[in-house]
Amino acid sequence: MLQNSSFARAVTYLEPFSYHFTEPLPYSIPTLSFGTQLCTEDPPCCINGWDYFNFYAKLTCPRMLMNVTGFGHCDILNEFPGWDACNEIHFCKTDPTNDRPLYRLFVQGVVTAFMGVYLQGNSDLLKFVTTQTLMPLPLGLLEYDLNC
């Protein structure tokens, strides 16, 4: 995958994508690295130094890093059996009080907007991934390098 930069026109990585990149990637592809606050808390679902933060650091423009506050890796899963099992066995940190249906819609919207910009050329969608006030959930981190 890493050697064939023509394989895709844009990519989205949802944590806990883990790989230990030591050098910057030798090509450029529009990339959204998406993670959650709870991913790095105990029990962690992301391996520090191998996580989406590291992946973002090794990318070149255009790239985007987004971290959603108050959610974890398992929150993307349907309640049964995925989220319930993750919560019960403490596979990753969970918060039973967060609004998981809203989070799932948020992830769908962010990925759709990002891909719409780069796969369909719809630059009007860019504001939905770069403007916090247009997002229904708070971000702990939003970084991007899109002006290549």
N, C-alpha and C. Protein backbone atom coordinates (compact mmCIF):
# COMPACT_ATOMS: atom_id res chain seq x y z
N MET A 1 0.82 -1.19 0.00
CA MET A 1 0.00 0.00 0.00
C MET A 1 0.86 1.25 0.00
N LEU A 2 1.88 1.34 0.81
CA LEU A 2 2.66 2.55 0.92
C LEU A 2 3.48 2.85 -0.32
N GLN A 3 3.77 1.84 -1.10
CA GLN A 3 4.60 2.05 -2.27
C GLN A 3 3.80 2.44 -3.50
N ASN A 4 2.50 2.30 -3.46
CA ASN A 4 1.66 2.59 -4.61
C ASN A 4 0.81 3.81 -4.31
N SER A 5 1.34 4.99 -4.55
CA SER A 5 0.61 6.20 -4.22
C SER A 5 -0.55 6.46 -5.19
N SER A 6 -0.63 5.72 -6.29
CA SER A 6 -1.73 5.90 -7.22
C SER A 6 -2.93 5.02 -6.87
N PHE A 7 -2.82 4.25 -5.81
CA PHE A 7 -3.89 3.34 -5.42
C PHE A 7 -5.17 4.08 -5.04
N ALA A 8 -5.04 5.23 -4.38
CA ALA A 8 -6.21 5.99 -3.94
C ALA A 8 -5.97 7.47 -4.18
N ARG A 9 -7.06 8.22 -4.30
CA ARG A 9 -6.94 9.67 -4.49
C ARG A 9 -7.05 10.43 -3.18
N ALA A 10 -7.55 9.78 -2.13
CA ALA A 10 -7.64 10.37 -0.79
C ALA A 10 -7.87 9.23 0.20
N VAL A 11 -7.46 9.42 1.45
CA VAL A 11 -7.65 8.39 2.47
C VAL A 11 -8.09 9.01 3.78
N THR A 12 -8.77 8.19 4.57
CA THR A 12 -9.16 8.56 5.93
C THR A 12 -8.73 7.43 6.85
N TYR A 13 -8.02 7.78 7.91
CA TYR A 13 -7.62 6.78 8.91
C TYR A 13 -8.36 7.08 10.20
N LEU A 14 -9.17 6.12 10.62
CA LEU A 14 -9.84 6.23 11.91
C LEU A 14 -9.04 5.43 12.91
N GLU A 15 -8.71 6.04 14.04
CA GLU A 15 -7.95 5.32 15.04
C GLU A 15 -8.62 4.00 15.35
N PRO A 16 -7.93 3.03 15.82
CA PRO A 16 -6.56 3.07 16.30
C PRO A 16 -5.56 2.59 15.27
N PHE A 17 -5.59 3.15 14.09
CA PHE A 17 -4.59 2.80 13.09
C PHE A 17 -3.21 2.89 13.73
N SER A 18 -2.46 1.81 13.69
CA SER A 18 -1.16 1.78 14.35
C SER A 18 -0.09 1.28 13.38
N TYR A 19 0.94 2.09 13.25
CA TYR A 19 2.10 1.71 12.46
C TYR A 19 3.22 2.65 12.86
N HIS A 20 4.40 2.13 12.96
CA HIS A 20 5.52 2.96 13.42
C HIS A 20 6.30 3.50 12.22
N PHE A 21 5.85 4.64 11.71
CA PHE A 21 6.58 5.31 10.65
C PHE A 21 7.76 6.04 11.27
N THR A 22 8.93 5.86 10.71
CA THR A 22 10.10 6.55 11.23
C THR A 22 10.55 7.67 10.30
N GLU A 23 10.14 7.61 9.06
CA GLU A 23 10.51 8.62 8.07
C GLU A 23 9.24 9.19 7.45
N PRO A 24 9.30 10.43 6.99
CA PRO A 24 8.14 10.98 6.28
C PRO A 24 7.78 10.10 5.08
N LEU A 25 6.51 10.02 4.77
CA LEU A 25 6.08 9.22 3.63
C LEU A 25 6.58 9.88 2.35
N PRO A 26 7.02 9.07 1.39
CA PRO A 26 7.67 9.62 0.19
C PRO A 26 6.70 10.14 -0.88
N TYR A 27 5.44 10.27 -0.56
CA TYR A 27 4.46 10.74 -1.52
C TYR A 27 3.41 11.58 -0.80
N SER A 28 2.58 12.23 -1.56
CA SER A 28 1.52 13.06 -1.00
C SER A 28 0.17 12.52 -1.44
N ILE A 29 -0.74 12.38 -0.48
CA ILE A 29 -2.11 11.99 -0.76
C ILE A 29 -2.99 12.69 0.28
N PRO A 30 -4.10 13.29 -0.12
CA PRO A 30 -4.97 13.93 0.87
C PRO A 30 -5.39 12.92 1.94
N THR A 31 -5.11 13.26 3.20
CA THR A 31 -5.34 12.31 4.29
C THR A 31 -6.01 12.99 5.47
N LEU A 32 -7.04 12.35 5.99
CA LEU A 32 -7.68 12.74 7.24
C LEU A 32 -7.30 11.70 8.28
N SER A 33 -6.58 12.12 9.32
CA SER A 33 -6.25 11.25 10.45
C SER A 33 -7.20 11.63 11.58
N PHE A 34 -8.09 10.71 11.93
CA PHE A 34 -9.19 11.00 12.86
C PHE A 34 -9.04 10.16 14.12
N GLY A 35 -9.12 10.81 15.26
CA GLY A 35 -9.01 10.08 16.53
C GLY A 35 -9.92 10.66 17.59
N THR A 36 -9.86 10.04 18.76
CA THR A 36 -10.71 10.43 19.88
C THR A 36 -9.89 10.63 21.14
N GLN A 37 -10.42 11.43 22.03
CA GLN A 37 -9.76 11.72 23.30
C GLN A 37 -9.54 10.44 24.12
N LEU A 38 -10.55 9.61 24.23
CA LEU A 38 -10.46 8.44 25.11
C LEU A 38 -9.55 7.35 24.57
N CYS A 39 -9.18 7.44 23.31
CA CYS A 39 -8.33 6.44 22.69
C CYS A 39 -6.98 6.30 23.40
N THR A 40 -6.49 7.40 23.95
CA THR A 40 -5.17 7.38 24.57
C THR A 40 -5.23 7.19 26.09
N GLU A 41 -6.43 7.16 26.65
CA GLU A 41 -6.58 6.99 28.09
C GLU A 41 -6.69 5.51 28.43
N ASP A 42 -6.45 5.15 29.70
CA ASP A 42 -6.50 3.74 30.11
C ASP A 42 -7.90 3.20 30.13
N PRO A 43 -8.10 2.00 29.60
CA PRO A 43 -7.16 1.23 28.79
C PRO A 43 -7.07 1.80 27.38
N PRO A 44 -5.87 2.04 26.89
CA PRO A 44 -5.71 2.70 25.60
C PRO A 44 -5.99 1.78 24.40
N CYS A 45 -6.55 2.37 23.37
CA CYS A 45 -6.74 1.66 22.10
C CYS A 45 -5.70 2.08 21.08
N CYS A 46 -5.02 3.17 21.35
CA CYS A 46 -3.98 3.67 20.46
C CYS A 46 -2.62 3.46 21.12
N ILE A 47 -1.68 3.02 20.35
CA ILE A 47 -0.33 2.83 20.85
C ILE A 47 0.43 4.13 20.68
N ASN A 48 0.84 4.72 21.79
CA ASN A 48 1.56 5.99 21.75
C ASN A 48 2.79 5.89 20.85
N GLY A 49 2.90 6.83 19.92
CA GLY A 49 4.02 6.81 18.99
C GLY A 49 3.75 5.99 17.73
N TRP A 50 2.68 5.23 17.74
CA TRP A 50 2.29 4.43 16.58
C TRP A 50 0.89 4.81 16.11
N ASP A 51 0.34 5.84 16.69
CA ASP A 51 -1.07 6.18 16.49
C ASP A 51 -1.27 7.21 15.39
N TYR A 52 -2.48 7.71 15.31
CA TYR A 52 -2.83 8.65 14.25
C TYR A 52 -2.07 9.97 14.37
N PHE A 53 -1.59 10.33 15.56
CA PHE A 53 -0.74 11.51 15.71
C PHE A 53 0.58 11.31 14.96
N ASN A 54 1.17 10.14 15.13
CA ASN A 54 2.43 9.82 14.45
C ASN A 54 2.22 9.77 12.94
N PHE A 55 1.11 9.18 12.53
CA PHE A 55 0.83 9.08 11.11
C PHE A 55 0.71 10.48 10.50
N TYR A 56 -0.01 11.37 11.16
CA TYR A 56 -0.16 12.74 10.68
C TYR A 56 1.20 13.43 10.56
N ALA A 57 2.05 13.20 11.54
CA ALA A 57 3.38 13.84 11.55
C ALA A 57 4.24 13.40 10.37
N LYS A 58 4.00 12.21 9.84
CA LYS A 58 4.81 11.69 8.74
C LYS A 58 4.23 11.99 7.36
N LEU A 59 3.06 12.61 7.34
CA LEU A 59 2.42 12.95 6.08
C LEU A 59 2.89 14.29 5.56
N THR A 60 2.69 14.50 4.28
CA THR A 60 2.92 15.81 3.69
C THR A 60 1.57 16.37 3.25
N CYS A 61 1.55 17.60 2.93
CA CYS A 61 0.35 18.31 2.51
C CYS A 61 -0.25 17.66 1.25
N PRO A 62 -1.58 17.56 1.19
CA PRO A 62 -2.62 17.99 2.10
C PRO A 62 -2.90 16.94 3.19
N ARG A 63 -3.06 17.42 4.40
CA ARG A 63 -3.30 16.52 5.53
C ARG A 63 -4.14 17.22 6.58
N MET A 64 -4.86 16.41 7.35
CA MET A 64 -5.72 16.94 8.41
C MET A 64 -5.68 15.99 9.59
N LEU A 65 -5.67 16.57 10.80
CA LEU A 65 -5.70 15.80 12.05
C LEU A 65 -6.86 16.31 12.89
N MET A 66 -7.70 15.39 13.32
CA MET A 66 -8.87 15.75 14.10
C MET A 66 -8.99 14.80 15.29
N ASN A 67 -9.21 15.37 16.49
CA ASN A 67 -9.38 14.59 17.72
C ASN A 67 -10.66 15.06 18.39
N VAL A 68 -11.62 14.16 18.57
CA VAL A 68 -12.92 14.50 19.14
C VAL A 68 -12.90 14.31 20.66
N THR A 69 -13.38 15.30 21.37
CA THR A 69 -13.40 15.28 22.83
C THR A 69 -14.55 14.42 23.35
N GLY A 70 -14.26 13.62 24.39
CA GLY A 70 -15.30 12.89 25.10
C GLY A 70 -15.73 11.57 24.50
N PHE A 71 -15.05 11.12 23.44
CA PHE A 71 -15.42 9.87 22.80
C PHE A 71 -14.20 8.97 22.69
N GLY A 72 -14.47 7.69 22.47
CA GLY A 72 -13.41 6.71 22.34
C GLY A 72 -13.60 5.85 21.11
N HIS A 73 -12.64 4.97 20.91
CA HIS A 73 -12.62 4.12 19.73
C HIS A 73 -13.90 3.29 19.59
N CYS A 74 -14.38 2.72 20.65
CA CYS A 74 -15.54 1.82 20.58
C CYS A 74 -16.85 2.54 20.30
N ASP A 75 -16.88 3.85 20.45
CA ASP A 75 -18.12 4.59 20.25
C ASP A 75 -18.62 4.59 18.81
N ILE A 76 -17.80 4.19 17.88
CA ILE A 76 -18.22 4.10 16.48
C ILE A 76 -19.07 2.84 16.26
N LEU A 77 -18.96 1.88 17.18
CA LEU A 77 -19.64 0.59 17.04
C LEU A 77 -21.11 0.68 17.44
N ASN A 78 -21.94 -0.17 16.82
CA ASN A 78 -23.33 -0.29 17.27
C ASN A 78 -23.34 -0.80 18.70
N GLU A 79 -24.43 -0.50 19.41
CA GLU A 79 -24.51 -0.87 20.83
C GLU A 79 -24.28 -2.36 21.05
N PHE A 80 -25.03 -3.20 20.32
CA PHE A 80 -24.90 -4.65 20.50
C PHE A 80 -24.50 -5.26 19.18
N PRO A 81 -23.51 -6.08 19.19
CA PRO A 81 -22.72 -6.53 20.32
C PRO A 81 -21.46 -5.70 20.55
N GLY A 82 -21.09 -4.84 19.59
CA GLY A 82 -19.79 -4.17 19.61
C GLY A 82 -19.51 -3.28 20.82
N TRP A 83 -20.30 -2.19 20.98
CA TRP A 83 -20.01 -1.26 22.06
C TRP A 83 -20.21 -1.92 23.41
N ASP A 84 -21.29 -2.70 23.56
CA ASP A 84 -21.56 -3.36 24.83
C ASP A 84 -20.39 -4.26 25.25
N ALA A 85 -19.86 -5.01 24.30
CA ALA A 85 -18.73 -5.91 24.61
C ALA A 85 -17.49 -5.10 24.97
N CYS A 86 -17.21 -4.08 24.23
CA CYS A 86 -16.04 -3.23 24.49
C CYS A 86 -16.13 -2.61 25.88
N ASN A 87 -17.31 -2.13 26.23
CA ASN A 87 -17.53 -1.51 27.54
C ASN A 87 -17.42 -2.54 28.66
N GLU A 88 -17.99 -3.70 28.44
CA GLU A 88 -18.02 -4.74 29.48
C GLU A 88 -16.62 -5.29 29.79
N ILE A 89 -15.83 -5.54 28.76
CA ILE A 89 -14.51 -6.14 28.99
C ILE A 89 -13.41 -5.08 29.11
N HIS A 90 -13.78 -3.81 28.99
CA HIS A 90 -12.83 -2.70 29.10
C HIS A 90 -11.70 -2.83 28.08
N PHE A 91 -12.09 -3.18 26.86
CA PHE A 91 -11.11 -3.31 25.78
C PHE A 91 -10.47 -1.96 25.48
N CYS A 92 -11.30 -0.93 25.42
CA CYS A 92 -10.86 0.46 25.26
C CYS A 92 -11.70 1.29 26.23
N LYS A 93 -11.21 2.46 26.58
CA LYS A 93 -11.97 3.30 27.50
C LYS A 93 -13.27 3.75 26.84
N THR A 94 -14.35 3.68 27.61
CA THR A 94 -15.67 4.09 27.14
C THR A 94 -16.28 5.07 28.14
N ASP A 95 -17.28 5.80 27.69
CA ASP A 95 -18.05 6.70 28.54
C ASP A 95 -19.52 6.45 28.22
N PRO A 96 -20.22 5.73 29.10
CA PRO A 96 -21.62 5.39 28.82
C PRO A 96 -22.56 6.58 28.73
N THR A 97 -22.10 7.78 29.12
CA THR A 97 -23.00 8.94 29.13
C THR A 97 -22.91 9.77 27.85
N ASN A 98 -21.97 9.47 26.96
CA ASN A 98 -21.85 10.31 25.76
C ASN A 98 -22.93 9.97 24.72
N ASP A 99 -23.11 10.84 23.76
CA ASP A 99 -24.14 10.70 22.73
C ASP A 99 -23.56 9.98 21.51
N ARG A 100 -23.54 8.65 21.59
CA ARG A 100 -22.93 7.86 20.52
C ARG A 100 -23.66 7.99 19.19
N PRO A 101 -25.00 8.04 19.14
CA PRO A 101 -25.64 8.24 17.83
C PRO A 101 -25.21 9.55 17.15
N LEU A 102 -25.08 10.63 17.92
CA LEU A 102 -24.61 11.89 17.35
C LEU A 102 -23.16 11.75 16.88
N TYR A 103 -22.34 11.07 17.67
CA TYR A 103 -20.94 10.86 17.29
C TYR A 103 -20.84 10.10 15.97
N ARG A 104 -21.63 9.07 15.81
CA ARG A 104 -21.59 8.27 14.57
C ARG A 104 -21.99 9.11 13.37
N LEU A 105 -23.00 9.94 13.53
CA LEU A 105 -23.40 10.84 12.45
C LEU A 105 -22.30 11.86 12.16
N PHE A 106 -21.65 12.34 13.21
CA PHE A 106 -20.55 13.28 13.05
C PHE A 106 -19.42 12.68 12.23
N VAL A 107 -19.01 11.46 12.56
CA VAL A 107 -17.94 10.80 11.83
C VAL A 107 -18.33 10.62 10.36
N GLN A 108 -19.56 10.19 10.13
CA GLN A 108 -20.02 10.03 8.75
C GLN A 108 -19.96 11.35 8.00
N GLY A 109 -20.38 12.43 8.64
CA GLY A 109 -20.37 13.73 7.99
C GLY A 109 -18.97 14.25 7.69
N VAL A 110 -18.07 14.08 8.65
CA VAL A 110 -16.69 14.54 8.46
C VAL A 110 -16.01 13.78 7.33
N VAL A 111 -16.16 12.47 7.33
CA VAL A 111 -15.54 11.65 6.28
C VAL A 111 -16.16 11.99 4.92
N THR A 112 -17.47 12.14 4.87
CA THR A 112 -18.15 12.49 3.62
C THR A 112 -17.68 13.84 3.10
N ALA A 113 -17.59 14.83 3.98
CA ALA A 113 -17.15 16.16 3.55
C ALA A 113 -15.70 16.12 3.06
N PHE A 114 -14.82 15.47 3.82
CA PHE A 114 -13.41 15.40 3.42
C PHE A 114 -13.26 14.70 2.07
N MET A 115 -13.91 13.57 1.91
CA MET A 115 -13.81 12.84 0.65
C MET A 115 -14.48 13.60 -0.49
N GLY A 116 -15.56 14.31 -0.19
CA GLY A 116 -16.23 15.11 -1.22
C GLY A 116 -15.34 16.20 -1.79
N VAL A 117 -14.49 16.77 -0.93
CA VAL A 117 -13.55 17.79 -1.39
C VAL A 117 -12.55 17.18 -2.35
N TYR A 118 -11.97 16.04 -1.97
CA TYR A 118 -10.86 15.49 -2.74
C TYR A 118 -11.25 14.49 -3.83
N LEU A 119 -12.41 13.86 -3.70
CA LEU A 119 -12.81 12.90 -4.73
C LEU A 119 -13.77 13.51 -5.75
N GLN A 120 -14.55 14.50 -5.31
CA GLN A 120 -15.52 15.11 -6.20
C GLN A 120 -15.20 16.56 -6.54
N GLY A 121 -14.15 17.10 -5.92
CA GLY A 121 -13.77 18.48 -6.19
C GLY A 121 -14.73 19.52 -5.64
N ASN A 122 -15.51 19.16 -4.63
CA ASN A 122 -16.50 20.07 -4.06
C ASN A 122 -15.86 20.87 -2.92
N SER A 123 -15.21 21.95 -3.24
CA SER A 123 -14.48 22.73 -2.24
C SER A 123 -15.41 23.40 -1.22
N ASP A 124 -16.69 23.53 -1.53
CA ASP A 124 -17.64 24.10 -0.57
C ASP A 124 -17.75 23.24 0.69
N LEU A 125 -17.42 21.96 0.60
CA LEU A 125 -17.51 21.06 1.75
C LEU A 125 -16.36 21.25 2.74
N LEU A 126 -15.31 21.91 2.32
CA LEU A 126 -14.12 22.06 3.16
C LEU A 126 -14.44 22.74 4.49
N LYS A 127 -15.36 23.67 4.50
CA LYS A 127 -15.70 24.39 5.73
C LYS A 127 -16.24 23.45 6.81
N PHE A 128 -16.81 22.33 6.41
CA PHE A 128 -17.38 21.39 7.38
C PHE A 128 -16.33 20.54 8.09
N VAL A 129 -15.10 20.58 7.60
CA VAL A 129 -14.01 19.87 8.28
C VAL A 129 -12.93 20.81 8.80
N THR A 130 -13.08 22.10 8.55
CA THR A 130 -12.08 23.05 9.02
C THR A 130 -12.64 24.10 9.97
N THR A 131 -13.94 24.18 10.13
CA THR A 131 -14.57 25.21 10.95
C THR A 131 -15.29 24.58 12.14
N GLN A 132 -14.70 24.70 13.33
CA GLN A 132 -15.24 24.07 14.53
C GLN A 132 -16.68 24.49 14.82
N THR A 133 -17.05 25.73 14.56
CA THR A 133 -18.40 26.19 14.87
C THR A 133 -19.47 25.51 14.02
N LEU A 134 -19.08 24.88 12.93
CA LEU A 134 -20.04 24.15 12.09
C LEU A 134 -20.16 22.68 12.49
N MET A 135 -19.40 22.28 13.52
CA MET A 135 -19.39 20.88 13.95
C MET A 135 -20.23 20.71 15.22
N PRO A 136 -21.00 19.62 15.31
CA PRO A 136 -21.87 19.43 16.47
C PRO A 136 -21.17 18.91 17.71
N LEU A 137 -19.91 18.53 17.61
CA LEU A 137 -19.16 18.01 18.75
C LEU A 137 -17.87 18.80 18.92
N PRO A 138 -17.41 18.93 20.17
CA PRO A 138 -16.17 19.67 20.41
C PRO A 138 -14.94 18.85 20.00
N LEU A 139 -13.94 19.56 19.52
CA LEU A 139 -12.69 18.92 19.15
C LEU A 139 -11.62 19.30 20.16
N GLY A 140 -10.80 18.32 20.52
CA GLY A 140 -9.65 18.59 21.37
C GLY A 140 -8.49 19.08 20.53
N LEU A 141 -8.54 18.75 19.24
CA LEU A 141 -7.46 19.12 18.33
C LEU A 141 -7.98 19.15 16.91
N LEU A 142 -7.62 20.20 16.21
CA LEU A 142 -7.91 20.29 14.77
C LEU A 142 -6.72 20.99 14.13
N GLU A 143 -5.97 20.22 13.37
CA GLU A 143 -4.82 20.75 12.64
C GLU A 143 -4.97 20.36 11.19
N TYR A 144 -4.54 21.25 10.32
CA TYR A 144 -4.55 20.89 8.91
C TYR A 144 -3.52 21.71 8.14
N ASP A 145 -3.06 21.10 7.10
CA ASP A 145 -2.10 21.69 6.17
C ASP A 145 -2.64 21.36 4.79
N LEU A 146 -3.43 22.27 4.25
CA LEU A 146 -4.16 22.00 3.00
C LEU A 146 -3.71 22.87 1.84
N ASN A 147 -2.95 23.90 2.10
CA ASN A 147 -2.52 24.81 1.05
C ASN A 147 -1.15 24.39 0.51
N CYS A 148 -1.16 23.44 -0.37
CA CYS A 148 0.08 22.87 -0.89
C CYS A 148 0.54 23.62 -2.12
